[in-house]
């Protein structure tokens, strides 16, 4: 998969160094993945939450952080929509959040 806006993740782990290795691992795994449907993601990440609007929520660092992406299955692309703490995640609507 192609990951759009990896820079957002880099900026985040600069502020939250404890998330760096976990996010780098997710990036490596996602780049090697071939997700053609939500079930493919669930097979790889049991704890991922599949939402409306092609959104998926990943738990990062044992659920300390949440990563929301939109997956364009036809284009093999993943768009970063949100990365934040669990508390920050609780304050957003993951189904329609967009990067600012």
Protein backbone atom coordinates (compact mmCIF):
# COMPACT_ATOMS: atom_id res chain seq x y z
CA UNK A 1 0.00 0.00 0.00
CA UNK A 2 1.09 3.57 -0.59
CA UNK A 3 0.86 5.73 2.52
CA UNK A 4 -0.07 9.36 1.99
CA UNK A 5 1.13 11.88 4.59
CA UNK A 6 3.78 9.82 6.41
CA UNK A 7 5.22 13.22 7.33
CA UNK A 8 2.33 13.63 9.79
CA UNK A 9 3.46 10.48 11.58
CA UNK A 10 7.08 11.68 11.68
CA UNK A 11 5.99 14.97 13.21
CA UNK A 12 3.92 13.10 15.77
CA UNK A 13 6.71 10.79 16.90
CA UNK A 14 9.00 13.80 17.25
CA UNK A 15 6.57 15.08 19.88
CA UNK A 16 5.87 11.58 21.27
CA UNK A 17 9.16 9.63 21.01
CA UNK A 18 7.65 6.60 22.74
CA UNK A 19 5.42 6.12 19.68
CA UNK A 20 8.23 6.24 17.11
CA UNK A 21 9.13 2.54 16.86
CA UNK A 22 5.48 1.50 16.95
CA UNK A 23 4.56 3.89 14.13
CA UNK A 24 7.61 2.92 12.07
CA UNK A 25 6.61 -0.73 12.42
CA UNK A 26 3.05 0.09 11.31
CA UNK A 27 4.37 2.03 8.29
CA UNK A 28 6.61 -0.88 7.26
CA UNK A 29 3.78 -3.40 7.63
CA UNK A 30 1.28 -1.21 5.78
CA UNK A 31 3.70 -0.61 2.90
CA UNK A 32 4.12 -4.37 2.45
CA UNK A 33 0.40 -5.09 2.79
CA UNK A 34 -2.03 -5.77 -0.02
CA UNK A 35 -5.39 -4.86 1.45
CA UNK A 36 -8.25 -5.33 -0.99
CA UNK A 37 -11.08 -5.28 1.55
CA UNK A 38 -11.61 -4.56 5.27
CA UNK A 39 -11.33 -8.27 6.11
CA UNK A 40 -7.70 -8.19 4.96
CA UNK A 41 -6.93 -5.52 7.54
CA UNK A 42 -8.78 -7.40 10.28
CA UNK A 43 -6.83 -10.55 9.43
CA UNK A 44 -3.57 -8.66 9.99
CA UNK A 45 -4.72 -6.41 12.86
CA UNK A 46 -7.32 -8.09 15.06
CA UNK A 47 -7.77 -4.94 17.15
CA UNK A 48 -8.29 -2.57 14.22
CA UNK A 49 -11.74 -0.98 14.08
CA UNK A 50 -13.42 -0.79 10.69
CA UNK A 51 -15.65 2.29 10.40
CA UNK A 52 -17.82 3.90 7.74
CA UNK A 53 -16.29 5.95 4.92
CA UNK A 54 -13.46 3.43 4.39
CA UNK A 55 -12.00 4.50 7.74
CA UNK A 56 -9.91 2.25 9.93
CA UNK A 57 -8.68 2.92 13.46
CA UNK A 58 -5.42 1.31 14.57
CA UNK A 59 -4.30 1.06 18.18
CA UNK A 60 -0.70 2.19 18.47
CA UNK A 61 1.55 1.33 21.41
CA UNK A 62 -0.94 -0.81 23.28
CA UNK A 63 -3.74 1.68 22.68
CA UNK A 64 -1.84 4.71 24.05
CA UNK A 65 -2.31 6.32 20.64
CA UNK A 66 -4.89 6.04 17.89
CA UNK A 67 -4.26 6.23 14.17
CA UNK A 68 -7.18 6.88 11.83
CA UNK A 69 -6.72 6.23 8.13
CA UNK A 70 -8.89 6.13 5.04
CA UNK A 71 -8.18 3.21 2.73
CA UNK A 72 -8.62 3.48 -1.03
CA UNK A 73 -8.60 -0.23 -1.81
CA UNK A 74 -8.82 0.23 -5.60
CA UNK A 75 -5.75 2.48 -5.60
CA UNK A 76 -3.71 0.60 -2.98
CA UNK A 77 -3.49 3.78 -0.92
CA UNK A 78 -3.80 4.65 2.75
CA UNK A 79 -4.45 8.27 3.76
CA UNK A 80 -3.50 9.40 7.25
CA UNK A 81 -6.47 11.27 8.72
CA UNK A 82 -5.57 11.52 12.43
CA UNK A 83 -2.91 10.49 14.91
CA UNK A 84 -3.26 11.35 18.56
CA UNK A 85 -3.55 10.22 22.12
CA UNK A 86 -6.49 8.13 23.22
CA UNK A 87 -7.97 11.23 24.91
CA UNK A 88 -7.61 13.29 21.73
CA UNK A 89 -9.23 10.48 19.74
CA UNK A 90 -12.21 10.48 22.10
CA UNK A 91 -12.81 14.14 21.16
CA UNK A 92 -13.09 13.59 17.39
CA UNK A 93 -15.47 11.92 14.96
CA UNK A 94 -13.22 9.32 13.33
CA UNK A 95 -15.67 8.76 10.47
CA UNK A 96 -15.16 12.24 9.05
CA UNK A 97 -12.01 13.74 10.58
CA UNK A 98 -9.67 15.36 8.05
CA UNK A 99 -6.14 16.64 8.44
CA UNK A 100 -5.94 20.37 8.88
